[in-house]
Structures are given as C-alpha cells and as structure tokens.
Amino acid sequence: MSTDELNASIHVQVETEYLSEQSVPEDKRFVFAYHIAITNEGDQAATLRTRHWFITDGNNEMQEVKGDGVVGEQPTIDAGETYRYSSGSVLATEVGSMRGYYVMEADDGTLFHATVPVFTLAIPRALN
C-alpha cells in the first residue's frame, strides 16, 4: 500500500468538552477535554508511534506539542478496530482549536501520517 492509501485508512473522530470545575476564568485558565476515536479501516494493523499537535488559542497564540504515543501508550490498532482515549488541553482564552497528526507504523514497517482535522475547543455558548 502507498502511504496515501495508508493515511486514508485511518479515520480520527474527536469530541470535546469544557471542564468548568477545573477552569479558573478570572486567571485565564480554560480547561478542555477531548475524546478521540481512531478507526483503522485498512487491511493491516497500524501502531501509533508519535503525536504532533498544534494548539491555538483565541489570541492566535500557538503551542506545538510532540511526543511518543498518546496517554503513555503506543497502541496497535488492528484492521477494523477502533482505539479510544481521552486527554486535555488548557487555554488562556474561552475559544481555541487543535489540529495535528499521528505518525503511524503499518505492519509492513511503512511509516505514515494519520491526520487529525482541526477541531474547536470552546466554552458553552461562546460561539453563539
């Protein structure tokens, strides 16, 4: 398989939530959780090796985060399976966004990127 075909075989879905109990708006601390589902629609297993995030707040300040695996794991996702995890981010504003990619390794050793499309982090009613 080509790396384009491998990339297309991994689908990432994201749900977000504002964690008001951990946030302190008067200190410009807005805490968000994100819940990710990574589905392997390909025909071979793939292991998530690294993550690379671009996190932008409402002031257009961007932080870049890179590291091995996710939540301390480098999961192997078998063909037809879904891996789920939750993590979080702290912003200095009520609204922001995240995007990025995972570096995946197919069973045959091929490295490829699985894109995480941009998603919004926002407190309830901030975008109304």
Protein backbone atom coordinates (compact mmCIF):
# COMPACT_ATOMS: atom_id res chain seq x y z
CA MET A 1 0.00 0.00 0.00
CA SER A 2 1.14 3.55 -0.65
CA THR A 3 1.47 5.98 2.24
CA ASP A 4 -1.52 7.92 0.82
CA GLU A 5 -3.64 4.76 0.95
CA LEU A 6 -2.43 4.01 4.48
CA ASN A 7 -3.21 7.58 5.61
CA ALA A 8 -6.70 7.31 4.11
CA SER A 9 -7.28 4.05 6.01
CA ILE A 10 -7.09 5.74 9.44
CA HIS A 11 -10.08 7.87 10.47
CA VAL A 12 -9.98 10.13 13.51
CA GLN A 13 -13.09 11.45 15.25
CA VAL A 14 -12.99 13.98 18.09
CA GLU A 15 -15.50 15.10 20.71
CA THR A 16 -14.68 17.93 23.10
CA GLU A 17 -15.97 19.18 26.42
CA TYR A 18 -15.32 22.18 28.63
CA LEU A 19 -14.25 21.25 32.17
CA SER A 20 -15.70 24.11 34.22
CA GLU A 21 -14.74 22.51 37.55
CA GLN A 22 -11.03 22.63 36.57
CA SER A 23 -11.16 26.05 34.90
CA VAL A 24 -10.48 29.42 36.53
CA PRO A 25 -11.72 32.06 34.05
CA GLU A 26 -10.54 35.01 36.19
CA ASP A 27 -6.99 33.58 35.88
CA LYS A 28 -7.43 32.99 32.14
CA ARG A 29 -7.39 29.22 32.63
CA PHE A 30 -9.88 27.32 30.48
CA VAL A 31 -9.59 23.54 30.63
CA PHE A 32 -10.93 21.26 27.90
CA ALA A 33 -11.07 17.51 27.45
CA TYR A 34 -11.01 15.85 24.07
CA HIS A 35 -12.10 12.32 23.38
CA ILE A 36 -10.56 10.66 20.33
CA ALA A 37 -11.60 7.58 18.38
CA ILE A 38 -9.03 6.28 15.87
CA THR A 39 -10.50 3.70 13.48
CA ASN A 40 -8.34 1.54 11.24
CA GLU A 41 -10.33 0.90 8.07
CA GLY A 42 -7.31 -0.60 6.31
CA ASP A 43 -6.35 -4.23 5.82
CA GLN A 44 -3.34 -4.35 8.16
CA ALA A 45 -2.65 -3.35 11.75
CA ALA A 46 -1.05 0.01 12.47
CA THR A 47 0.80 1.19 15.57
CA LEU A 48 0.56 4.79 16.76
CA ARG A 49 4.18 5.85 17.32
CA THR A 50 4.07 9.62 17.93
CA ARG A 51 1.67 12.56 18.10
CA HIS A 52 2.13 16.12 16.87
CA TRP A 53 -0.37 18.79 17.94
CA PHE A 54 -0.80 22.45 17.03
CA ILE A 55 -2.94 24.15 19.70
CA THR A 56 -4.10 27.71 19.01
CA ASP A 57 -5.97 29.90 21.47
CA GLY A 58 -8.31 32.83 20.77
CA ASN A 59 -5.36 35.26 20.82
CA ASN A 60 -3.81 33.31 17.93
CA GLU A 61 -1.04 32.07 20.26
CA MET A 62 0.07 28.64 19.11
CA GLN A 63 1.79 25.89 21.05
CA GLU A 64 3.28 22.84 19.41
CA VAL A 65 3.25 19.55 21.31
CA LYS A 66 5.09 16.43 20.17
CA GLY A 67 5.72 13.16 21.91
CA ASP A 68 5.70 9.40 21.84
CA GLY A 69 2.31 7.71 21.63
CA VAL A 70 -0.78 9.00 23.41
CA VAL A 71 -1.62 8.89 27.12
CA GLY A 72 1.51 6.84 27.75
CA GLU A 73 0.69 4.19 25.16
CA GLN A 74 1.72 3.28 21.63
CA PRO A 75 -1.37 1.28 20.72
CA THR A 76 -1.56 -1.15 17.84
CA ILE A 77 -4.91 -0.82 16.10
CA ASP A 78 -5.90 -3.95 14.21
CA ALA A 79 -7.70 -3.75 10.87
CA GLY A 80 -11.36 -2.97 11.53
CA GLU A 81 -10.73 -1.92 15.14
CA THR A 82 -11.10 1.41 16.95
CA TYR A 83 -8.83 2.76 19.69
CA ARG A 84 -10.26 5.38 22.05
CA TYR A 85 -8.57 7.69 24.52
CA SER A 86 -9.17 10.99 26.31
CA SER A 87 -6.79 13.81 27.07
CA GLY A 88 -6.94 17.51 27.70
CA SER A 89 -5.66 20.97 26.96
CA VAL A 90 -5.51 24.24 28.89
CA LEU A 91 -6.08 27.52 27.04
CA ALA A 92 -5.77 31.16 28.11
CA THR A 93 -8.96 32.00 26.19
CA GLU A 94 -12.58 30.77 26.02
CA VAL A 95 -12.14 29.51 22.46
CA GLY A 96 -9.35 27.80 20.58
CA SER A 97 -8.59 24.99 18.21
CA MET A 98 -6.38 21.96 17.79
CA ARG A 99 -5.13 20.05 14.78
CA GLY A 100 -2.33 17.63 14.16
CA TYR A 101 -1.33 14.18 13.11
CA TYR A 102 -0.16 10.83 14.37
CA VAL A 103 2.86 9.06 12.94
CA MET A 104 1.69 5.51 12.43
CA GLU A 105 3.65 2.38 11.54
CA ALA A 106 1.94 -0.21 9.37
CA ASP A 107 2.61 -3.91 9.99
CA ASP A 108 4.95 -3.94 7.00
CA GLY A 109 7.10 -1.21 8.64
CA THR A 110 5.87 1.68 6.49
CA LEU A 111 5.59 4.96 8.42
CA PHE A 112 2.71 7.28 7.52
CA HIS A 113 0.75 10.23 8.91
CA ALA A 114 -2.83 9.96 10.13
CA THR A 115 -4.27 13.47 10.04
CA VAL A 116 -6.33 14.86 12.89
CA PRO A 117 -8.56 17.52 11.32
CA VAL A 118 -8.93 20.85 13.08
CA PHE A 119 -11.42 20.85 15.94
CA THR A 120 -12.72 23.63 18.15
CA LEU A 121 -12.37 23.99 21.91
CA ALA A 122 -14.97 26.41 23.28
CA ILE A 123 -16.87 27.07 26.47
CA PRO A 124 -20.64 26.58 26.12
CA ARG A 125 -22.35 29.44 24.32
CA ALA A 126 -19.02 31.13 23.39
CA LEU A 127 -19.69 30.70 19.68
CA ASN A 128 -23.39 31.68 19.64
